[in-house]
C-alpha cells in the first residue's frame, strides 16, 4: 500500500472544526483526526450512564494527566458548549460501544443508542499540541504518513475512584534526540492536551514490551537517531472501562476525536 505524501495529506486536511464535524456527521470522514483543525482542542469522548457519572468525574479529577477535562455535559445533553451546534451522537468519525468491559460494536453514529441519562465527558487529547510542535520545526511522522498515533497500555497505575481503576495508556511519538527538549517545552503549554511527556526512552520501564505492537493505533518506527517519547493518553478511560467492566459505556474509536471550537 502506498503511503500518502505529506503534501497530499496537508492539502486534504479539514482546517475548521465545523468541517470535521459535518463530514463526520455525513459519513464522509472516518479517518483519525490527527492534523485536522490545527490550533483547536480535540477531545476524547467518554459517555456513561448517570449512575456511574459521579465516580468517573472523581476518576478524572484524581488523574488529570490522562484525563484533563474539557467539558462535562448534563445528562442527556447532546450539544456541548465548546462546539455550539454540534451533536455528540453524530459528529465523531467513529464510536465504540462497550458492555461489561467487552467491545461489542464500532459504529459511525450513536444517535440510535442515545439514552436520556447519558453523561458525556470530553477529555483533552494530545492531537491538540501537534500543530504547535510541527510549527516549532519538529516533524511528526504519523501525521506526515496519515497514520494514527501509536498507543500502549503501561504499568503506570491510575488513582482509583469507585469502580474505576486501571493503568494509564500512553501515546508515543518518535522524536530526534536534539528535538526532545523543544517538544517537552511546547507540549507542556497544553495542560488540556496532557501537557509534558510522562516518559522518554526505554519503553520497558513503563511496562511496554514491544513497540512494534501497539495496543491501539498504528506502529510508527523509531529511527536510530530518535527516542520514543510518551504522553499520557485519553484512551485511558477505555482501558479503565474495560477493567472496571461497566455495564455500558461509549467512547470514540482510537484516534477519532471530537473536534471542538475551543482554541488550544
C-alpha atoms as a PDB file:
ATOM      1  CA  UNK A   1       0.000   0.000   0.000  1.00  0.00           C
ATOM      2  CA  UNK A   2       1.380   3.379  -0.981  1.00  0.00           C
ATOM      3  CA  UNK A   3       1.712   5.834   1.901  1.00  0.00           C
ATOM      4  CA  UNK A   4       0.287   9.286   1.040  1.00  0.00           C
ATOM      5  CA  UNK A   5       2.785  12.082   0.731  1.00  0.00           C
ATOM      6  CA  UNK A   6       2.897  14.831   3.317  1.00  0.00           C
ATOM      7  CA  UNK A   7       1.940  17.350   0.604  1.00  0.00           C
ATOM      8  CA  UNK A   8      -1.207  15.451  -0.360  1.00  0.00           C
ATOM      9  CA  UNK A   9      -2.223  14.883   3.261  1.00  0.00           C
ATOM     10  CA  UNK A  10      -1.857  18.559   4.132  1.00  0.00           C
ATOM     11  CA  UNK A  11      -3.892  19.575   1.071  1.00  0.00           C
ATOM     12  CA  UNK A  12      -6.735  17.292   2.156  1.00  0.00           C
ATOM     13  CA  UNK A  13      -6.907  18.391   5.769  1.00  0.00           C
ATOM     14  CA  UNK A  14     -10.045  19.916   7.216  1.00  0.00           C
ATOM     15  CA  UNK A  15      -8.860  23.220   8.663  1.00  0.00           C
ATOM     16  CA  UNK A  16     -12.025  24.201  10.545  1.00  0.00           C
ATOM     17  CA  UNK A  17     -13.602  22.180  13.393  1.00  0.00           C
ATOM     18  CA  UNK A  18     -17.111  22.516  11.964  1.00  0.00           C
ATOM     19  CA  UNK A  19     -15.915  20.973   8.691  1.00  0.00           C
ATOM     20  CA  UNK A  20     -14.555  17.915  10.519  1.00  0.00           C
ATOM     21  CA  UNK A  21     -17.781  17.531  12.498  1.00  0.00           C
ATOM     22  CA  UNK A  22     -20.051  17.949   9.473  1.00  0.00           C
ATOM     23  CA  UNK A  23     -18.065  15.479   7.384  1.00  0.00           C
ATOM     24  CA  UNK A  24     -18.190  13.010  10.289  1.00  0.00           C
ATOM     25  CA  UNK A  25     -21.944  13.523  10.665  1.00  0.00           C
ATOM     26  CA  UNK A  26     -22.477  12.867   6.950  1.00  0.00           C
ATOM     27  CA  UNK A  27     -20.269   9.767   6.978  1.00  0.00           C
ATOM     28  CA  UNK A  28     -17.779  11.399   4.602  1.00  0.00           C
ATOM     29  CA  UNK A  29     -14.936  11.463   7.142  1.00  0.00           C
ATOM     30  CA  UNK A  30     -13.989   8.320   9.062  1.00  0.00           C
ATOM     31  CA  UNK A  31     -10.224   8.820   9.488  1.00  0.00           C
ATOM     32  CA  UNK A  32      -8.154   9.728  12.545  1.00  0.00           C
ATOM     33  CA  UNK A  33      -8.373  13.447  13.269  1.00  0.00           C
ATOM     34  CA  UNK A  34      -4.618  13.995  13.816  1.00  0.00           C
ATOM     35  CA  UNK A  35      -3.504  17.033  11.844  1.00  0.00           C
ATOM     36  CA  UNK A  36      -7.020  18.291  11.183  1.00  0.00           C
ATOM     37  CA  UNK A  37      -8.329  21.635  12.523  1.00  0.00           C
ATOM     38  CA  UNK A  38      -4.859  22.760  13.668  1.00  0.00           C
ATOM     39  CA  UNK A  39      -4.905  25.066  16.673  1.00  0.00           C
ATOM     40  CA  UNK A  40      -8.228  23.774  18.023  1.00  0.00           C
ATOM     41  CA  UNK A  41      -8.684  21.474  21.002  1.00  0.00           C
ATOM     42  CA  UNK A  42      -9.579  17.896  20.134  1.00  0.00           C
ATOM     43  CA  UNK A  43     -11.270  15.755  22.752  1.00  0.00           C
ATOM     44  CA  UNK A  44     -11.545  12.131  23.690  1.00  0.00           C
ATOM     45  CA  UNK A  45     -15.105  11.028  24.319  1.00  0.00           C
ATOM     46  CA  UNK A  46     -16.451   9.045  27.251  1.00  0.00           C
ATOM     47  CA  UNK A  47     -20.178   8.513  27.733  1.00  0.00           C
ATOM     48  CA  UNK A  48     -21.515   6.694  30.796  1.00  0.00           C
ATOM     49  CA  UNK A  49     -24.963   6.338  32.375  1.00  0.00           C
ATOM     50  CA  UNK A  50     -25.703   8.899  35.075  1.00  0.00           C
ATOM     51  CA  UNK A  51     -25.400   6.212  37.764  1.00  0.00           C
ATOM     52  CA  UNK A  52     -21.662   5.926  37.072  1.00  0.00           C
ATOM     53  CA  UNK A  53     -21.003   9.582  36.171  1.00  0.00           C
ATOM     54  CA  UNK A  54     -20.011  10.857  39.615  1.00  0.00           C
ATOM     55  CA  UNK A  55     -17.380   8.171  40.129  1.00  0.00           C
ATOM     56  CA  UNK A  56     -15.998   8.826  36.660  1.00  0.00           C
ATOM     57  CA  UNK A  57     -15.837  12.562  37.390  1.00  0.00           C
ATOM     58  CA  UNK A  58     -13.826  11.748  40.517  1.00  0.00           C
ATOM     59  CA  UNK A  59     -11.562   9.487  38.464  1.00  0.00           C
ATOM     60  CA  UNK A  60     -10.833  12.343  36.048  1.00  0.00           C
ATOM     61  CA  UNK A  61     -10.174  14.799  38.860  1.00  0.00           C
ATOM     62  CA  UNK A  62      -7.783  12.361  40.535  1.00  0.00           C
ATOM     63  CA  UNK A  63      -5.989  11.581  37.255  1.00  0.00           C
ATOM     64  CA  UNK A  64      -5.706  14.913  35.422  1.00  0.00           C
ATOM     65  CA  UNK A  65      -2.698  13.841  33.347  1.00  0.00           C
ATOM     66  CA  UNK A  66      -4.510  11.156  31.284  1.00  0.00           C
ATOM     67  CA  UNK A  67      -7.985  12.679  31.816  1.00  0.00           C
ATOM     68  CA  UNK A  68      -7.860  16.505  31.549  1.00  0.00           C
ATOM     69  CA  UNK A  69     -11.498  17.598  31.452  1.00  0.00           C
ATOM     70  CA  UNK A  70     -12.529  19.958  28.654  1.00  0.00           C
ATOM     71  CA  UNK A  71     -16.264  19.770  29.419  1.00  0.00           C
ATOM     72  CA  UNK A  72     -18.863  17.629  31.195  1.00  0.00           C
ATOM     73  CA  UNK A  73     -22.351  17.714  29.699  1.00  0.00           C
ATOM     74  CA  UNK A  74     -25.613  17.457  31.634  1.00  0.00           C
ATOM     75  CA  UNK A  75     -27.480  14.116  31.499  1.00  0.00           C
ATOM     76  CA  UNK A  76     -28.959  13.644  28.036  1.00  0.00           C
ATOM     77  CA  UNK A  77     -27.328  16.780  26.617  1.00  0.00           C
ATOM     78  CA  UNK A  78     -26.083  16.449  23.038  1.00  0.00           C
ATOM     79  CA  UNK A  79     -24.733  19.935  22.269  1.00  0.00           C
ATOM     80  CA  UNK A  80     -21.517  20.918  24.081  1.00  0.00           C
ATOM     81  CA  UNK A  81     -20.693  24.500  24.963  1.00  0.00           C
ATOM     82  CA  UNK A  82     -17.250  24.067  23.392  1.00  0.00           C
ATOM     83  CA  UNK A  83     -18.827  23.439  19.964  1.00  0.00           C
ATOM     84  CA  UNK A  84     -22.178  25.233  19.531  1.00  0.00           C
ATOM     85  CA  UNK A  85     -24.429  23.481  17.017  1.00  0.00           C
ATOM     86  CA  UNK A  86     -22.555  20.184  17.296  1.00  0.00           C
ATOM     87  CA  UNK A  87     -24.113  16.837  18.158  1.00  0.00           C
ATOM     88  CA  UNK A  88     -22.156  14.447  20.376  1.00  0.00           C
ATOM     89  CA  UNK A  89     -24.053  11.469  18.938  1.00  0.00           C
ATOM     90  CA  UNK A  90     -23.127  12.076  15.280  1.00  0.00           C
ATOM     91  CA  UNK A  91     -20.082  14.355  14.976  1.00  0.00           C
ATOM     92  CA  UNK A  92     -17.243  11.930  15.796  1.00  0.00           C
ATOM     93  CA  UNK A  93     -15.594   9.916  12.965  1.00  0.00           C
ATOM     94  CA  UNK A  94     -16.037   6.649  14.885  1.00  0.00           C
ATOM     95  CA  UNK A  95     -17.546   5.356  18.125  1.00  0.00           C
ATOM     96  CA  UNK A  96     -17.019   2.239  20.218  1.00  0.00           C
ATOM     97  CA  UNK A  97     -19.658   0.593  22.413  1.00  0.00           C
ATOM     98  CA  UNK A  98     -18.571  -1.460  25.448  1.00  0.00           C
ATOM     99  CA  UNK A  99     -20.807  -3.713  27.542  1.00  0.00           C
ATOM    100  CA  UNK A 100     -19.497  -5.308  30.725  1.00  0.00           C
ATOM    101  CA  UNK A 101     -15.960  -4.452  29.682  1.00  0.00           C
ATOM    102  CA  UNK A 102     -16.199  -6.014  26.230  1.00  0.00           C
ATOM    103  CA  UNK A 103     -16.084  -4.138  22.931  1.00  0.00           C
ATOM    104  CA  UNK A 104     -19.340  -5.133  21.235  1.00  0.00           C
ATOM    105  CA  UNK A 105     -19.634  -2.678  18.381  1.00  0.00           C
ATOM    106  CA  UNK A 106     -17.883   0.032  16.407  1.00  0.00           C
ATOM    107  CA  UNK A 107     -20.172   2.398  14.529  1.00  0.00           C
ATOM    108  CA  UNK A 108     -20.406   5.778  12.807  1.00  0.00           C
ATOM    109  CA  UNK A 109     -23.151   7.259  14.991  1.00  0.00           C
ATOM    110  CA  UNK A 110     -24.788   6.622  18.351  1.00  0.00           C
ATOM    111  CA  UNK A 111     -27.991   8.637  17.922  1.00  0.00           C
ATOM    112  CA  UNK A 112     -29.963   5.393  17.681  1.00  0.00           C
ATOM    113  CA  UNK A 113     -28.467   4.249  21.004  1.00  0.00           C
ATOM    114  CA  UNK A 114     -28.913   7.528  22.869  1.00  0.00           C
ATOM    115  CA  UNK A 115     -30.460   7.471  26.332  1.00  0.00           C
ATOM    116  CA  UNK A 116     -31.684  10.459  28.406  1.00  0.00           C
ATOM    117  CA  UNK A 117     -29.405   9.500  31.311  1.00  0.00           C
ATOM    118  CA  UNK A 118     -26.192   9.504  29.261  1.00  0.00           C
ATOM    119  CA  UNK A 119     -23.499  11.844  30.635  1.00  0.00           C
ATOM    120  CA  UNK A 120     -20.763  12.900  28.215  1.00  0.00           C
ATOM    121  CA  UNK A 121     -17.205  13.686  29.261  1.00  0.00           C
ATOM    122  CA  UNK A 122     -14.897  15.470  26.807  1.00  0.00           C
ATOM    123  CA  UNK A 123     -11.271  14.804  27.713  1.00  0.00           C
ATOM    124  CA  UNK A 124      -8.295  16.633  26.225  1.00  0.00           C
ATOM    125  CA  UNK A 125      -6.232  14.948  23.520  1.00  0.00           C
ATOM    126  CA  UNK A 126      -2.551  15.180  22.617  1.00  0.00           C
ATOM    127  CA  UNK A 127      -3.508  15.831  18.976  1.00  0.00           C
ATOM    128  CA  UNK A 128      -4.192  19.392  20.154  1.00  0.00           C
ATOM    129  CA  UNK A 129      -0.491  20.201  20.629  1.00  0.00           C
ATOM    130  CA  UNK A 130       0.754  18.534  17.461  1.00  0.00           C
ATOM    131  CA  UNK A 131       0.325  21.559  15.208  1.00  0.00           C
ATOM    132  CA  UNK A 132       2.346  23.659  17.688  1.00  0.00           C
ATOM    133  CA  UNK A 133       5.091  21.026  17.747  1.00  0.00           C
ATOM    134  CA  UNK A 134       5.245  20.949  13.947  1.00  0.00           C
ATOM    135  CA  UNK A 135       5.220  24.754  13.772  1.00  0.00           C
ATOM    136  CA  UNK A 136       8.241  24.647  16.089  1.00  0.00           C
ATOM    137  CA  UNK A 137      10.068  22.707  13.380  1.00  0.00           C
ATOM    138  CA  UNK A 138       9.718  19.210  14.813  1.00  0.00           C
ATOM    139  CA  UNK A 139       8.198  16.719  12.318  1.00  0.00           C
ATOM    140  CA  UNK A 140       5.698  14.096  13.480  1.00  0.00           C
ATOM    141  CA  UNK A 141       5.896  11.036  11.284  1.00  0.00           C
ATOM    142  CA  UNK A 142       2.410   9.659  11.937  1.00  0.00           C
ATOM    143  CA  UNK A 143       0.890  12.940  10.711  1.00  0.00           C
ATOM    144  CA  UNK A 144       3.173  13.014   7.676  1.00  0.00           C
ATOM    145  CA  UNK A 145       2.178   9.442   6.810  1.00  0.00           C
ATOM    146  CA  UNK A 146      -1.534   9.875   7.526  1.00  0.00           C
ATOM    147  CA  UNK A 147      -1.452   7.241  10.274  1.00  0.00           C
ATOM    148  CA  UNK A 148      -2.991   7.088  13.703  1.00  0.00           C
ATOM    149  CA  UNK A 149      -0.624   7.683  16.625  1.00  0.00           C
ATOM    150  CA  UNK A 150       0.676   4.554  18.373  1.00  0.00           C
ATOM    151  CA  UNK A 151      -0.807   3.943  21.842  1.00  0.00           C
ATOM    152  CA  UNK A 152       0.213   1.456  24.517  1.00  0.00           C
ATOM    153  CA  UNK A 153      -1.015   0.128  27.835  1.00  0.00           C
ATOM    154  CA  UNK A 154       1.504   0.658  30.640  1.00  0.00           C
ATOM    155  CA  UNK A 155       2.120  -0.420  34.232  1.00  0.00           C
ATOM    156  CA  UNK A 156       1.593   3.162  35.484  1.00  0.00           C
ATOM    157  CA  UNK A 157      -1.367   2.913  37.879  1.00  0.00           C
ATOM    158  CA  UNK A 158      -4.153   5.479  37.915  1.00  0.00           C
ATOM    159  CA  UNK A 159      -5.682   6.623  41.200  1.00  0.00           C
ATOM    160  CA  UNK A 160      -8.953   4.663  41.548  1.00  0.00           C
ATOM    161  CA  UNK A 161     -12.394   6.187  42.114  1.00  0.00           C
ATOM    162  CA  UNK A 162     -15.268   3.864  42.937  1.00  0.00           C
ATOM    163  CA  UNK A 163     -15.319   1.053  40.406  1.00  0.00           C
ATOM    164  CA  UNK A 164     -12.969   2.926  38.036  1.00  0.00           C
ATOM    165  CA  UNK A 165      -9.439   1.598  38.294  1.00  0.00           C
ATOM    166  CA  UNK A 166      -6.661   0.551  35.971  1.00  0.00           C
ATOM    167  CA  UNK A 167      -3.365   1.580  34.381  1.00  0.00           C
ATOM    168  CA  UNK A 168      -2.532   4.528  32.178  1.00  0.00           C
ATOM    169  CA  UNK A 169      -2.470   4.333  28.387  1.00  0.00           C
ATOM    170  CA  UNK A 170       0.190   6.442  26.632  1.00  0.00           C
ATOM    171  CA  UNK A 171       0.689   7.723  23.111  1.00  0.00           C
ATOM    172  CA  UNK A 172       4.157   7.538  21.547  1.00  0.00           C
ATOM    173  CA  UNK A 173       5.870   9.784  19.045  1.00  0.00           C
ATOM    174  CA  UNK A 174       9.441   9.224  17.823  1.00  0.00           C
ATOM    175  CA  UNK A 175      11.487  12.383  18.309  1.00  0.00           C
ATOM    176  CA  UNK A 176      15.078  13.118  17.349  1.00  0.00           C
ATOM    177  CA  UNK A 177      17.285  13.430  20.423  1.00  0.00           C
ATOM    178  CA  UNK A 178      18.146  17.037  19.589  1.00  0.00           C
ATOM    179  CA  UNK A 179      14.446  17.978  19.499  1.00  0.00           C
ATOM    180  CA  UNK A 180      13.254  16.399  22.752  1.00  0.00           C
ATOM    181  CA  UNK A 181      13.771  19.465  24.938  1.00  0.00           C
ATOM    182  CA  UNK A 182      11.832  21.579  22.432  1.00  0.00           C
ATOM    183  CA  UNK A 183       8.973  19.082  22.270  1.00  0.00           C
ATOM    184  CA  UNK A 184       8.753  18.942  26.062  1.00  0.00           C
ATOM    185  CA  UNK A 185       8.711  22.736  26.229  1.00  0.00           C
ATOM    186  CA  UNK A 186       5.974  23.097  23.596  1.00  0.00           C
ATOM    187  CA  UNK A 187       3.695  20.308  24.808  1.00  0.00           C
ATOM    188  CA  UNK A 188       3.938  21.436  28.438  1.00  0.00           C
ATOM    189  CA  UNK A 189       1.975  24.563  27.499  1.00  0.00           C
ATOM    190  CA  UNK A 190      -1.084  22.459  26.686  1.00  0.00           C
ATOM    191  CA  UNK A 191      -2.496  21.357  30.031  1.00  0.00           C
ATOM    192  CA  UNK A 192      -5.785  20.280  28.401  1.00  0.00           C
ATOM    193  CA  UNK A 193      -3.812  18.124  25.966  1.00  0.00           C
ATOM    194  CA  UNK A 194      -1.932  16.070  28.610  1.00  0.00           C
ATOM    195  CA  UNK A 195       0.929  18.563  28.896  1.00  0.00           C
ATOM    196  CA  UNK A 196       4.534  17.378  29.041  1.00  0.00           C
ATOM    197  CA  UNK A 197       5.505  13.738  28.401  1.00  0.00           C
ATOM    198  CA  UNK A 198       5.304  11.196  31.202  1.00  0.00           C
ATOM    199  CA  UNK A 199       8.327   9.199  29.970  1.00  0.00           C
ATOM    200  CA  UNK A 200      11.176   9.356  27.456  1.00  0.00           C
ATOM    201  CA  UNK A 201      13.240   6.400  26.303  1.00  0.00           C
ATOM    202  CA  UNK A 202      13.184   2.773  27.439  1.00  0.00           C
ATOM    203  CA  UNK A 203       9.594   1.522  26.952  1.00  0.00           C
ATOM    204  CA  UNK A 204      10.163  -1.480  29.243  1.00  0.00           C
ATOM    205  CA  UNK A 205      10.497   0.905  32.183  1.00  0.00           C
ATOM    206  CA  UNK A 206       6.765   1.642  31.931  1.00  0.00           C
ATOM    207  CA  UNK A 207       5.687  -1.898  31.081  1.00  0.00           C
ATOM    208  CA  UNK A 208       5.707  -1.802  27.273  1.00  0.00           C
ATOM    209  CA  UNK A 209       7.194  -4.999  25.929  1.00  0.00           C
ATOM    210  CA  UNK A 210       7.229  -4.403  22.171  1.00  0.00           C
ATOM    211  CA  UNK A 211       6.911  -1.017  20.486  1.00  0.00           C
ATOM    212  CA  UNK A 212       6.083  -2.704  17.175  1.00  0.00           C
ATOM    213  CA  UNK A 213       2.806  -3.975  18.645  1.00  0.00           C
ATOM    214  CA  UNK A 214       0.767  -1.005  19.871  1.00  0.00           C
ATOM    215  CA  UNK A 215      -2.443  -1.765  21.754  1.00  0.00           C
ATOM    216  CA  UNK A 216      -4.215   0.967  19.798  1.00  0.00           C
ATOM    217  CA  UNK A 217      -3.378   2.934  16.656  1.00  0.00           C
ATOM    218  CA  UNK A 218      -0.609   2.324  14.130  1.00  0.00           C
ATOM    219  CA  UNK A 219       3.019   1.419  14.675  1.00  0.00           C
ATOM    220  CA  UNK A 220       5.448   4.202  13.797  1.00  0.00           C
ATOM    221  CA  UNK A 221       9.111   3.052  13.721  1.00  0.00           C
ATOM    222  CA  UNK A 222      11.708   4.717  15.924  1.00  0.00           C
ATOM    223  CA  UNK A 223      14.793   5.554  13.863  1.00  0.00           C
ATOM    224  CA  UNK A 224      18.383   5.189  15.186  1.00  0.00           C
ATOM    225  CA  UNK A 225      18.706   8.930  15.857  1.00  0.00           C
ATOM    226  CA  UNK A 226      15.354   9.089  17.682  1.00  0.00           C
ATOM    227  CA  UNK A 227      13.918   8.230  21.088  1.00  0.00           C
ATOM    228  CA  UNK A 228      10.344   7.195  21.839  1.00  0.00           C
ATOM    229  CA  UNK A 229       8.525   9.938  23.737  1.00  0.00           C
ATOM    230  CA  UNK A 230       5.393   9.003  25.675  1.00  0.00           C
ATOM    231  CA  UNK A 231       2.463  11.193  26.672  1.00  0.00           C
ATOM    232  CA  UNK A 232      -0.494  10.333  28.905  1.00  0.00           C
ATOM    233  CA  UNK A 233      -3.381   9.393  26.627  1.00  0.00           C
ATOM    234  CA  UNK A 234      -7.130   9.940  26.748  1.00  0.00           C
ATOM    235  CA  UNK A 235      -7.702   6.360  25.640  1.00  0.00           C
ATOM    236  CA  UNK A 236      -7.001   5.548  29.305  1.00  0.00           C
ATOM    237  CA  UNK A 237     -10.746   5.692  30.134  1.00  0.00           C
ATOM    238  CA  UNK A 238     -11.415   2.965  27.549  1.00  0.00           C
ATOM    239  CA  UNK A 239      -8.905   0.683  29.238  1.00  0.00           C
ATOM    240  CA  UNK A 240     -10.300   1.597  32.654  1.00  0.00           C
ATOM    241  CA  UNK A 241     -13.878   0.947  31.497  1.00  0.00           C
ATOM    242  CA  UNK A 242     -12.833  -2.483  30.270  1.00  0.00           C
ATOM    243  CA  UNK A 243     -11.015  -3.260  33.516  1.00  0.00           C
ATOM    244  CA  UNK A 244     -13.944  -1.968  35.571  1.00  0.00           C
ATOM    245  CA  UNK A 245     -16.472  -3.925  33.484  1.00  0.00           C
ATOM    246  CA  UNK A 246     -19.043  -1.145  33.280  1.00  0.00           C
ATOM    247  CA  UNK A 247     -22.466  -2.389  32.172  1.00  0.00           C
ATOM    248  CA  UNK A 248     -22.380   0.144  29.331  1.00  0.00           C
ATOM    249  CA  UNK A 249     -20.133   2.921  28.093  1.00  0.00           C
ATOM    250  CA  UNK A 250     -19.473   4.572  24.752  1.00  0.00           C
ATOM    251  CA  UNK A 251     -16.177   6.085  23.616  1.00  0.00           C
ATOM    252  CA  UNK A 252     -14.601   7.426  20.454  1.00  0.00           C
ATOM    253  CA  UNK A 253     -12.706   4.958  18.288  1.00  0.00           C
ATOM    254  CA  UNK A 254      -8.951   5.392  18.907  1.00  0.00           C
ATOM    255  CA  UNK A 255      -7.582   8.418  17.071  1.00  0.00           C
ATOM    256  CA  UNK A 256     -11.038   9.646  16.008  1.00  0.00           C
ATOM    257  CA  UNK A 257     -11.674  12.635  18.235  1.00  0.00           C
ATOM    258  CA  UNK A 258     -14.421  15.147  18.790  1.00  0.00           C
ATOM    259  CA  UNK A 259     -13.045  18.439  17.429  1.00  0.00           C
ATOM    260  CA  UNK A 260     -14.102  21.488  19.442  1.00  0.00           C
ATOM    261  CA  UNK A 261     -14.255  25.179  18.540  1.00  0.00           C
ATOM    262  CA  UNK A 262     -12.016  25.963  21.521  1.00  0.00           C
ATOM    263  CA  UNK A 263      -8.531  27.218  20.755  1.00  0.00           C
ATOM    264  CA  UNK A 264      -5.642  25.296  22.253  1.00  0.00           C
END
